[in-house]
N, C-alpha and C. Protein backbone atom coordinates (compact mmCIF):
# COMPACT_ATOMS: atom_id res chain seq x y z
N MET A 1 0.84 -1.17 0.00
CA MET A 1 0.00 0.00 0.00
C MET A 1 0.89 1.23 0.00
N THR A 2 0.56 2.20 -0.80
CA THR A 2 1.36 3.42 -0.87
C THR A 2 0.68 4.54 -0.10
N HIS A 3 1.49 5.47 0.37
CA HIS A 3 0.98 6.60 1.13
C HIS A 3 1.42 7.88 0.44
N PRO A 4 0.57 8.89 0.43
CA PRO A 4 0.96 10.15 -0.19
C PRO A 4 2.21 10.72 0.48
N LEU A 5 2.99 11.43 -0.30
CA LEU A 5 4.19 12.05 0.26
C LEU A 5 3.81 12.96 1.42
N GLY A 6 4.58 12.91 2.45
CA GLY A 6 4.33 13.76 3.61
C GLY A 6 3.30 13.20 4.57
N ALA A 7 2.61 12.13 4.21
CA ALA A 7 1.62 11.56 5.12
C ALA A 7 2.35 10.86 6.25
N ARG A 8 1.89 11.09 7.45
CA ARG A 8 2.51 10.46 8.62
C ARG A 8 1.61 9.38 9.15
N LEU A 9 2.18 8.25 9.39
CA LEU A 9 1.43 7.15 9.97
C LEU A 9 1.49 7.25 11.48
N ALA A 10 0.38 6.96 12.12
CA ALA A 10 0.36 6.95 13.58
C ALA A 10 1.16 5.74 14.07
N PRO A 11 1.98 5.93 15.09
CA PRO A 11 2.76 4.80 15.58
C PRO A 11 1.84 3.75 16.20
N ARG A 12 2.17 2.52 15.98
CA ARG A 12 1.41 1.43 16.58
C ARG A 12 2.10 1.05 17.88
N ARG A 13 1.33 1.03 18.93
CA ARG A 13 1.88 0.70 20.23
C ARG A 13 1.34 -0.63 20.69
N THR A 14 2.22 -1.43 21.22
CA THR A 14 1.82 -2.70 21.78
C THR A 14 1.34 -2.46 23.20
N PRO A 15 0.14 -2.89 23.55
CA PRO A 15 -0.34 -2.68 24.92
C PRO A 15 0.58 -3.36 25.93
N LEU A 16 0.69 -2.74 27.10
CA LEU A 16 1.50 -3.31 28.17
C LEU A 16 0.80 -4.54 28.75
N THR A 17 1.60 -5.52 29.13
CA THR A 17 1.06 -6.68 29.83
C THR A 17 0.81 -6.29 31.29
N GLU A 18 0.06 -7.10 32.00
CA GLU A 18 -0.18 -6.81 33.42
C GLU A 18 1.13 -6.80 34.20
N GLU A 19 2.03 -7.71 33.84
CA GLU A 19 3.34 -7.75 34.52
C GLU A 19 4.12 -6.45 34.26
N GLU A 20 4.08 -5.96 33.03
CA GLU A 20 4.79 -4.72 32.71
C GLU A 20 4.18 -3.53 33.45
N LYS A 21 2.86 -3.50 33.55
CA LYS A 21 2.20 -2.42 34.30
C LYS A 21 2.62 -2.45 35.76
N THR A 22 2.63 -3.63 36.35
CA THR A 22 3.00 -3.78 37.76
C THR A 22 4.45 -3.39 38.00
N ARG A 23 5.34 -3.85 37.13
CA ARG A 23 6.76 -3.49 37.25
C ARG A 23 6.97 -2.00 37.04
N GLY A 24 6.29 -1.44 36.06
CA GLY A 24 6.42 -0.01 35.79
C GLY A 24 5.99 0.82 36.98
N GLU A 25 4.86 0.47 37.56
CA GLU A 25 4.38 1.20 38.74
C GLU A 25 5.39 1.13 39.88
N ALA A 26 5.91 -0.05 40.14
CA ALA A 26 6.87 -0.21 41.23
C ALA A 26 8.16 0.55 40.97
N ASN A 27 8.66 0.47 39.75
CA ASN A 27 9.94 1.11 39.43
C ASN A 27 9.82 2.63 39.31
N PHE A 28 8.72 3.12 38.78
CA PHE A 28 8.56 4.56 38.60
C PHE A 28 8.24 5.29 39.90
N ALA A 29 7.66 4.59 40.87
CA ALA A 29 7.23 5.24 42.11
C ALA A 29 8.40 5.91 42.82
N SER A 30 9.54 5.25 42.92
CA SER A 30 10.67 5.85 43.63
C SER A 30 11.21 7.07 42.86
N LEU A 31 11.22 7.00 41.54
CA LEU A 31 11.66 8.13 40.73
C LEU A 31 10.74 9.34 40.94
N VAL A 32 9.44 9.11 40.90
CA VAL A 32 8.48 10.20 41.09
C VAL A 32 8.57 10.75 42.51
N ALA A 33 8.70 9.88 43.50
CA ALA A 33 8.82 10.33 44.89
C ALA A 33 10.04 11.23 45.07
N GLN A 34 11.16 10.84 44.50
CA GLN A 34 12.38 11.66 44.59
C GLN A 34 12.16 13.02 43.94
N SER A 35 11.52 13.03 42.80
CA SER A 35 11.26 14.28 42.09
C SER A 35 10.31 15.18 42.89
N LEU A 36 9.28 14.61 43.48
CA LEU A 36 8.36 15.41 44.27
C LEU A 36 9.04 16.03 45.48
N VAL A 37 9.85 15.26 46.15
CA VAL A 37 10.55 15.78 47.33
C VAL A 37 11.52 16.88 46.93
N ALA A 38 12.23 16.70 45.82
CA ALA A 38 13.23 17.66 45.39
C ALA A 38 12.63 18.89 44.70
N GLU A 39 11.62 18.68 43.85
CA GLU A 39 11.12 19.77 43.02
C GLU A 39 9.65 20.12 43.24
N GLY A 40 8.92 19.26 43.93
CA GLY A 40 7.52 19.54 44.18
C GLY A 40 6.56 19.07 43.10
N ARG A 41 7.10 18.59 41.97
CA ARG A 41 6.24 18.09 40.89
C ARG A 41 7.03 17.18 39.96
N PHE A 42 6.28 16.41 39.19
CA PHE A 42 6.86 15.50 38.21
C PHE A 42 5.97 15.57 36.97
N ARG A 43 6.57 15.76 35.81
CA ARG A 43 5.81 15.85 34.56
C ARG A 43 6.40 14.89 33.53
N ILE A 44 5.50 14.18 32.82
CA ILE A 44 5.95 13.23 31.82
C ILE A 44 4.87 13.09 30.74
N THR A 45 5.29 12.70 29.55
CA THR A 45 4.34 12.47 28.46
C THR A 45 3.45 11.29 28.81
N ALA A 46 2.16 11.49 28.67
CA ALA A 46 1.17 10.43 28.87
C ALA A 46 0.07 10.69 27.86
N ASP A 47 0.29 10.23 26.64
CA ASP A 47 -0.62 10.57 25.54
C ASP A 47 -1.59 9.47 25.16
N THR A 48 -1.68 8.46 25.98
CA THR A 48 -2.68 7.41 25.76
C THR A 48 -3.39 7.14 27.08
N PRO A 49 -4.62 6.67 27.03
CA PRO A 49 -5.33 6.35 28.27
C PRO A 49 -4.58 5.34 29.13
N GLU A 50 -3.90 4.41 28.48
CA GLU A 50 -3.14 3.39 29.21
C GLU A 50 -2.01 4.03 30.01
N MET A 51 -1.32 5.00 29.42
CA MET A 51 -0.21 5.67 30.13
C MET A 51 -0.75 6.56 31.25
N VAL A 52 -1.88 7.21 31.01
CA VAL A 52 -2.48 8.03 32.07
C VAL A 52 -2.84 7.15 33.26
N GLU A 53 -3.45 6.00 33.01
CA GLU A 53 -3.79 5.07 34.09
C GLU A 53 -2.56 4.62 34.85
N LEU A 54 -1.50 4.28 34.13
CA LEU A 54 -0.26 3.84 34.77
C LEU A 54 0.27 4.94 35.70
N TRP A 55 0.37 6.17 35.20
CA TRP A 55 0.94 7.25 36.02
C TRP A 55 0.02 7.65 37.16
N GLN A 56 -1.29 7.47 36.99
CA GLN A 56 -2.20 7.73 38.11
C GLN A 56 -2.00 6.70 39.22
N ARG A 57 -1.78 5.45 38.83
CA ARG A 57 -1.46 4.42 39.83
C ARG A 57 -0.15 4.74 40.52
N VAL A 58 0.83 5.21 39.76
CA VAL A 58 2.12 5.61 40.34
C VAL A 58 1.89 6.73 41.34
N ALA A 59 1.07 7.71 40.99
CA ALA A 59 0.79 8.83 41.90
C ALA A 59 0.18 8.34 43.21
N ARG A 60 -0.76 7.40 43.13
CA ARG A 60 -1.36 6.85 44.36
C ARG A 60 -0.31 6.13 45.20
N THR A 61 0.55 5.37 44.55
CA THR A 61 1.61 4.65 45.26
C THR A 61 2.55 5.64 45.95
N VAL A 62 2.91 6.71 45.26
CA VAL A 62 3.81 7.72 45.82
C VAL A 62 3.16 8.39 47.03
N GLY A 63 1.88 8.70 46.92
CA GLY A 63 1.17 9.29 48.06
C GLY A 63 1.23 8.38 49.28
N ASP A 64 1.05 7.08 49.05
CA ASP A 64 1.16 6.12 50.16
C ASP A 64 2.58 6.06 50.70
N MET A 65 3.56 6.07 49.80
CA MET A 65 4.97 6.00 50.22
C MET A 65 5.35 7.21 51.08
N LEU A 66 4.95 8.39 50.63
CA LEU A 66 5.34 9.63 51.31
C LEU A 66 4.36 10.03 52.41
N GLN A 67 3.25 9.33 52.50
CA GLN A 67 2.20 9.62 53.47
C GLN A 67 1.76 11.07 53.39
N ARG A 68 1.58 11.53 52.14
CA ARG A 68 1.09 12.88 51.86
C ARG A 68 0.12 12.79 50.70
N PRO A 69 -0.86 13.68 50.66
CA PRO A 69 -1.78 13.67 49.53
C PRO A 69 -1.08 14.08 48.24
N VAL A 70 -1.25 13.28 47.20
CA VAL A 70 -0.64 13.53 45.89
C VAL A 70 -1.76 13.53 44.86
N VAL A 71 -1.69 14.44 43.91
CA VAL A 71 -2.69 14.52 42.85
C VAL A 71 -1.99 14.45 41.50
N SER A 72 -2.76 14.08 40.48
CA SER A 72 -2.22 14.07 39.12
C SER A 72 -3.20 14.77 38.19
N TYR A 73 -2.64 15.49 37.23
CA TYR A 73 -3.42 16.22 36.25
C TYR A 73 -2.96 15.79 34.87
N ALA A 74 -3.89 15.34 34.03
CA ALA A 74 -3.55 14.91 32.68
C ALA A 74 -4.35 15.75 31.69
N ASN A 75 -3.70 16.07 30.56
CA ASN A 75 -4.39 16.87 29.54
C ASN A 75 -4.43 16.16 28.17
N GLY A 76 -4.14 14.87 28.14
CA GLY A 76 -4.12 14.14 26.87
C GLY A 76 -2.76 14.12 26.23
N ARG A 77 -1.86 14.91 26.74
CA ARG A 77 -0.50 14.95 26.22
C ARG A 77 0.53 14.70 27.32
N TYR A 78 0.33 15.33 28.46
CA TYR A 78 1.22 15.19 29.60
C TYR A 78 0.41 14.86 30.84
N ILE A 79 1.12 14.37 31.83
CA ILE A 79 0.53 14.22 33.16
C ILE A 79 1.50 14.86 34.14
N VAL A 80 0.94 15.61 35.07
CA VAL A 80 1.73 16.25 36.11
C VAL A 80 1.31 15.64 37.43
N ILE A 81 2.27 15.22 38.21
CA ILE A 81 2.01 14.67 39.53
C ILE A 81 2.62 15.64 40.53
N THR A 82 1.84 16.04 41.52
CA THR A 82 2.31 17.02 42.49
C THR A 82 1.64 16.77 43.84
N PHE A 83 2.13 17.46 44.86
CA PHE A 83 1.49 17.36 46.17
C PHE A 83 0.18 18.13 46.13
N ASP A 84 -0.83 17.58 46.78
CA ASP A 84 -2.11 18.26 46.90
C ASP A 84 -1.96 19.39 47.90
N GLN A 85 -2.61 20.50 47.61
CA GLN A 85 -2.60 21.61 48.55
C GLN A 85 -3.52 21.24 49.69
N GLU A 86 -2.96 21.16 50.88
CA GLU A 86 -3.76 20.78 52.03
C GLU A 86 -4.69 21.93 52.38
N PRO A 87 -5.97 21.62 52.59
CA PRO A 87 -6.91 22.69 52.93
C PRO A 87 -6.58 23.29 54.28
N SER A 88 -6.80 24.58 54.39
CA SER A 88 -6.54 25.23 55.68
C SER A 88 -7.59 24.77 56.67
N ALA A 89 -7.18 24.65 57.89
CA ALA A 89 -8.08 24.17 58.93
C ALA A 89 -9.12 25.24 59.26
N SER A 90 -10.34 24.79 59.45
CA SER A 90 -11.39 25.72 59.85
C SER A 90 -11.20 26.05 61.32
N PRO A 91 -11.78 27.15 61.80
CA PRO A 91 -11.59 27.53 63.20
C PRO A 91 -11.97 26.43 64.18
N SER A 92 -12.99 25.62 63.84
CA SER A 92 -13.39 24.55 64.75
C SER A 92 -12.38 23.42 64.80
N GLU A 93 -11.53 23.31 63.76
CA GLU A 93 -10.53 22.25 63.72
C GLU A 93 -9.19 22.72 64.27
N THR A 94 -9.04 24.01 64.48
CA THR A 94 -7.77 24.54 64.96
C THR A 94 -7.63 24.18 66.45
N PRO A 95 -6.48 23.60 66.82
CA PRO A 95 -6.31 23.23 68.23
C PRO A 95 -6.31 24.48 69.11
N PRO A 96 -6.83 24.37 70.31
CA PRO A 96 -6.85 25.51 71.21
C PRO A 96 -5.44 25.95 71.57
N ARG A 97 -5.25 27.24 71.73
CA ARG A 97 -3.95 27.79 72.12
C ARG A 97 -3.90 27.94 73.63
N HIS A 98 -2.81 27.54 74.18
CA HIS A 98 -2.58 27.69 75.61
C HIS A 98 -1.51 28.72 75.82
N GLU A 99 -1.91 29.84 76.39
CA GLU A 99 -0.94 30.92 76.59
C GLU A 99 -0.67 31.13 78.05
């Protein structure tokens, strides 16, 4: 089959196996955790639903590892993983001051 000059074919990606997903999550978690601690955020290309799912699982794992709330934002091209902004305590939740 011939293609017109300049036509670009979409790359074909082989779906990850369950083992690859599990290994990826485990291996990427420490990398993302280090980046969050050092820089406060981690950004990577995630242009398929499968990659977004993988990095969201990584974000949950990192939150558990660091025992801090972590969120991820995806836009179809990139995903950013960062610490969640902790809500400020309401006056009823603020511990009493002893002066």
